[in-house]
Amino acid sequence: MHEHRFVMLYDVQIYEIVSSQRTYSHVIHNHTAMATQIVDVEWTHDLTFDAHQQGRTLKLMSAPHEDPEEQAVSPKLLLLTGLAGCTAMDVASILPKMRVPFSALRVFVEGELSDEHPKTYVKIHMVYEICCDSNHADAIERAITLSKSTYCGVYAMLSKASDVSHEVRIVA
């Protein structure tokens, strides 16, 4: 088990990961106004790692489908998960401000990988499935556009490297 802690020393913040064997430190300089986020991954065995983020641990595997007993996820699929989660949270927060009631929202993301190494997502397609009245279709599109153009940092990063498209399915 690991303990994560932040230590302030003068104008430098030190992020420490304390395990039973040693302490790893990462220096965070507070010289800029930019936010800095830190994660680390620690090898456990084979191609399995523990990812540490904000005091939580997530198990990563190269091919989690090959070992159903391991409760692990694929790092590359986490990119798609991050995209789905980021834009879904945006849309779920924007729609009530637009006075658009909805009872369910789900975002499916499909990524098409390149044939050559390093395998990257060349195409990403998102499907927003939302339960609401179809009269709100224009507002839903505006909320998605706001997410993509203004709020979702994951979309902003991935859209620079991939062709990202979307569609909306309204379920009454």
Protein backbone atom coordinates (compact mmCIF):
# COMPACT_ATOMS: atom_id res chain seq x y z
CA MET A 1 0.00 0.00 0.00
CA HIS A 2 1.20 3.48 -0.81
CA GLU A 3 0.75 6.79 0.90
CA HIS A 4 0.61 9.89 -1.30
CA ARG A 5 1.33 13.27 0.21
CA PHE A 6 2.21 16.83 -0.74
CA VAL A 7 4.90 18.70 1.18
CA MET A 8 5.52 22.46 0.82
CA LEU A 9 9.12 23.65 1.11
CA TYR A 10 9.61 27.36 0.42
CA ASP A 11 8.15 27.93 -3.09
CA VAL A 12 8.42 24.29 -4.13
CA GLN A 13 5.75 21.67 -3.65
CA ILE A 14 7.03 18.11 -3.35
CA TYR A 15 4.78 15.20 -4.23
CA GLU A 16 5.86 12.08 -2.39
CA ILE A 17 4.80 8.49 -2.82
CA VAL A 18 5.70 6.51 0.25
CA SER A 19 5.75 2.74 -0.01
CA SER A 20 7.03 0.18 2.43
CA GLN A 21 10.34 0.07 0.57
CA ARG A 22 11.17 3.66 -0.39
CA THR A 23 9.90 7.18 -0.91
CA TYR A 24 9.69 8.60 -4.41
CA SER A 25 9.61 12.38 -4.66
CA HIS A 26 8.61 14.61 -7.52
CA VAL A 27 9.28 18.33 -7.31
CA ILE A 28 6.52 20.65 -8.46
CA HIS A 29 7.71 24.19 -9.08
CA ASN A 30 5.12 26.86 -8.31
CA HIS A 31 6.59 29.37 -10.77
CA THR A 32 3.71 29.34 -13.26
CA ALA A 33 -0.01 29.86 -13.04
CA MET A 34 -0.62 26.58 -14.88
CA ALA A 35 -2.17 23.69 -13.02
CA THR A 36 0.02 20.61 -12.75
CA GLN A 37 -1.44 17.16 -12.36
CA ILE A 38 0.61 14.14 -11.41
CA VAL A 39 0.06 10.43 -11.80
CA ASP A 40 2.50 7.57 -11.52
CA VAL A 41 2.49 3.95 -12.57
CA GLU A 42 4.30 1.24 -10.67
CA TRP A 43 5.20 -2.14 -12.16
CA THR A 44 3.73 -5.06 -10.19
CA HIS A 45 4.37 -8.07 -12.47
CA ASP A 46 4.40 -9.10 -16.14
CA LEU A 47 2.72 -6.21 -18.00
CA THR A 48 0.60 -5.18 -15.02
CA PHE A 49 0.98 -1.83 -13.27
CA ASP A 50 -0.71 0.06 -10.48
CA ALA A 51 -1.58 3.62 -11.49
CA HIS A 52 -1.80 6.12 -8.64
CA GLN A 53 -3.93 9.22 -9.03
CA GLN A 54 -5.28 11.54 -6.36
CA GLY A 55 -4.86 8.93 -3.63
CA ARG A 56 -6.55 6.19 -5.65
CA THR A 57 -5.11 3.12 -7.33
CA LEU A 58 -6.18 1.72 -10.70
CA LYS A 59 -4.76 -1.51 -12.10
CA LEU A 60 -3.44 -1.33 -15.69
CA MET A 61 -2.68 -4.22 -18.04
CA SER A 62 -1.50 -4.36 -21.63
CA ALA A 63 -4.26 -6.84 -22.55
CA PRO A 64 -6.79 -7.09 -19.68
CA HIS A 65 -9.13 -9.26 -21.76
CA GLU A 66 -6.53 -12.05 -21.62
CA ASP A 67 -6.85 -12.39 -17.83
CA PRO A 68 -10.49 -11.95 -16.74
CA GLU A 69 -9.48 -12.57 -13.10
CA GLU A 70 -7.42 -9.35 -13.07
CA GLN A 71 -9.50 -6.28 -12.40
CA ALA A 72 -7.46 -4.17 -14.82
CA VAL A 73 -8.02 -1.75 -17.67
CA SER A 74 -6.11 -0.91 -20.84
CA PRO A 75 -4.18 2.38 -20.83
CA LYS A 76 -5.08 3.11 -24.46
CA LEU A 77 -8.79 2.50 -23.80
CA LEU A 78 -8.53 4.92 -20.86
CA LEU A 79 -8.01 7.67 -23.46
CA LEU A 80 -11.42 6.87 -24.93
CA THR A 81 -12.90 6.57 -21.44
CA GLY A 82 -11.48 9.97 -20.55
CA LEU A 83 -13.02 11.48 -23.68
CA ALA A 84 -16.43 9.94 -22.97
CA GLY A 85 -16.36 10.98 -19.32
CA CYS A 86 -15.15 14.52 -20.01
CA THR A 87 -17.72 15.38 -22.66
CA ALA A 88 -20.56 13.57 -20.83
CA MET A 89 -19.89 15.61 -17.68
CA ASP A 90 -19.90 18.80 -19.74
CA VAL A 91 -23.17 17.99 -21.48
CA ALA A 92 -24.80 16.86 -18.22
CA SER A 93 -23.87 20.20 -16.63
CA ILE A 94 -24.82 22.37 -19.64
CA LEU A 95 -28.27 20.90 -20.42
CA PRO A 96 -29.91 21.90 -17.11
CA LYS A 97 -28.66 25.47 -17.62
CA MET A 98 -30.41 25.38 -21.01
CA ARG A 99 -33.52 24.09 -19.24
CA VAL A 100 -33.37 20.77 -21.06
CA PRO A 101 -34.65 17.98 -18.84
CA PHE A 102 -33.19 14.52 -19.43
CA SER A 103 -33.48 11.24 -17.57
CA ALA A 104 -30.42 9.40 -18.92
CA LEU A 105 -27.22 10.20 -20.80
CA ARG A 106 -24.69 7.75 -22.15
CA VAL A 107 -21.73 8.38 -24.43
CA PHE A 108 -20.29 5.55 -26.50
CA VAL A 109 -16.85 6.05 -28.03
CA GLU A 110 -15.28 3.92 -30.74
CA GLY A 111 -11.66 4.40 -31.76
CA GLU A 112 -10.07 3.10 -34.94
CA LEU A 113 -6.39 2.26 -34.53
CA SER A 114 -3.70 2.74 -37.16
CA ASP A 115 -2.16 -0.35 -38.76
CA GLU A 116 1.43 0.71 -38.06
CA HIS A 117 3.25 1.09 -34.75
CA PRO A 118 2.93 3.15 -32.72
CA LYS A 119 -0.76 2.31 -32.96
CA THR A 120 -2.69 5.52 -32.51
CA TYR A 121 -6.35 6.41 -32.85
CA VAL A 122 -6.81 7.77 -36.38
CA LYS A 123 -10.60 8.01 -36.14
CA ILE A 124 -12.79 8.39 -33.09
CA HIS A 125 -16.58 8.35 -33.23
CA MET A 126 -18.77 9.38 -30.29
CA VAL A 127 -22.45 8.54 -29.92
CA TYR A 128 -24.43 10.59 -27.40
CA GLU A 129 -27.51 8.64 -26.33
CA ILE A 130 -29.89 10.80 -24.33
CA CYS A 131 -33.37 10.22 -22.95
CA CYS A 132 -35.40 13.39 -23.41
CA ASP A 133 -38.03 15.01 -25.60
CA SER A 134 -36.94 15.23 -29.26
CA ASN A 135 -37.98 18.91 -29.27
CA HIS A 136 -34.64 19.60 -27.55
CA ALA A 137 -32.44 18.29 -30.39
CA ASP A 138 -30.99 21.74 -31.23
CA ALA A 139 -30.14 22.48 -27.59
CA ILE A 140 -28.44 19.08 -27.25
CA GLU A 141 -26.28 19.83 -30.30
CA ARG A 142 -25.39 23.24 -28.84
CA ALA A 143 -24.39 21.60 -25.54
CA ILE A 144 -22.19 19.09 -27.38
CA THR A 145 -20.63 21.87 -29.47
CA LEU A 146 -19.87 23.85 -26.30
CA SER A 147 -18.26 20.78 -24.77
CA LYS A 148 -16.11 20.18 -27.82
CA SER A 149 -15.16 23.79 -28.51
CA THR A 150 -14.80 25.23 -25.01
CA TYR A 151 -14.80 22.84 -22.06
CA CYS A 152 -13.56 19.31 -22.81
CA GLY A 153 -9.77 19.32 -22.62
CA VAL A 154 -9.61 15.65 -23.54
CA TYR A 155 -11.45 16.39 -26.80
CA ALA A 156 -9.14 19.35 -27.46
CA MET A 157 -6.07 17.11 -27.15
CA LEU A 158 -7.35 14.06 -29.04
CA SER A 159 -8.88 16.10 -31.87
CA LYS A 160 -5.40 17.41 -32.72
CA ALA A 161 -4.23 13.87 -33.47
CA SER A 162 -7.42 12.12 -34.64
CA ASP A 163 -10.46 12.70 -36.79
CA VAL A 164 -13.25 12.94 -34.16
CA SER A 165 -16.93 12.78 -35.14
CA HIS A 166 -20.19 12.42 -33.26
CA GLU A 167 -23.86 11.65 -33.57
CA VAL A 168 -26.83 12.04 -31.27
CA ARG A 169 -29.50 9.44 -30.55
CA ILE A 170 -32.52 10.80 -28.70
CA VAL A 171 -34.51 8.13 -26.88
CA ALA A 172 -37.98 9.23 -25.85
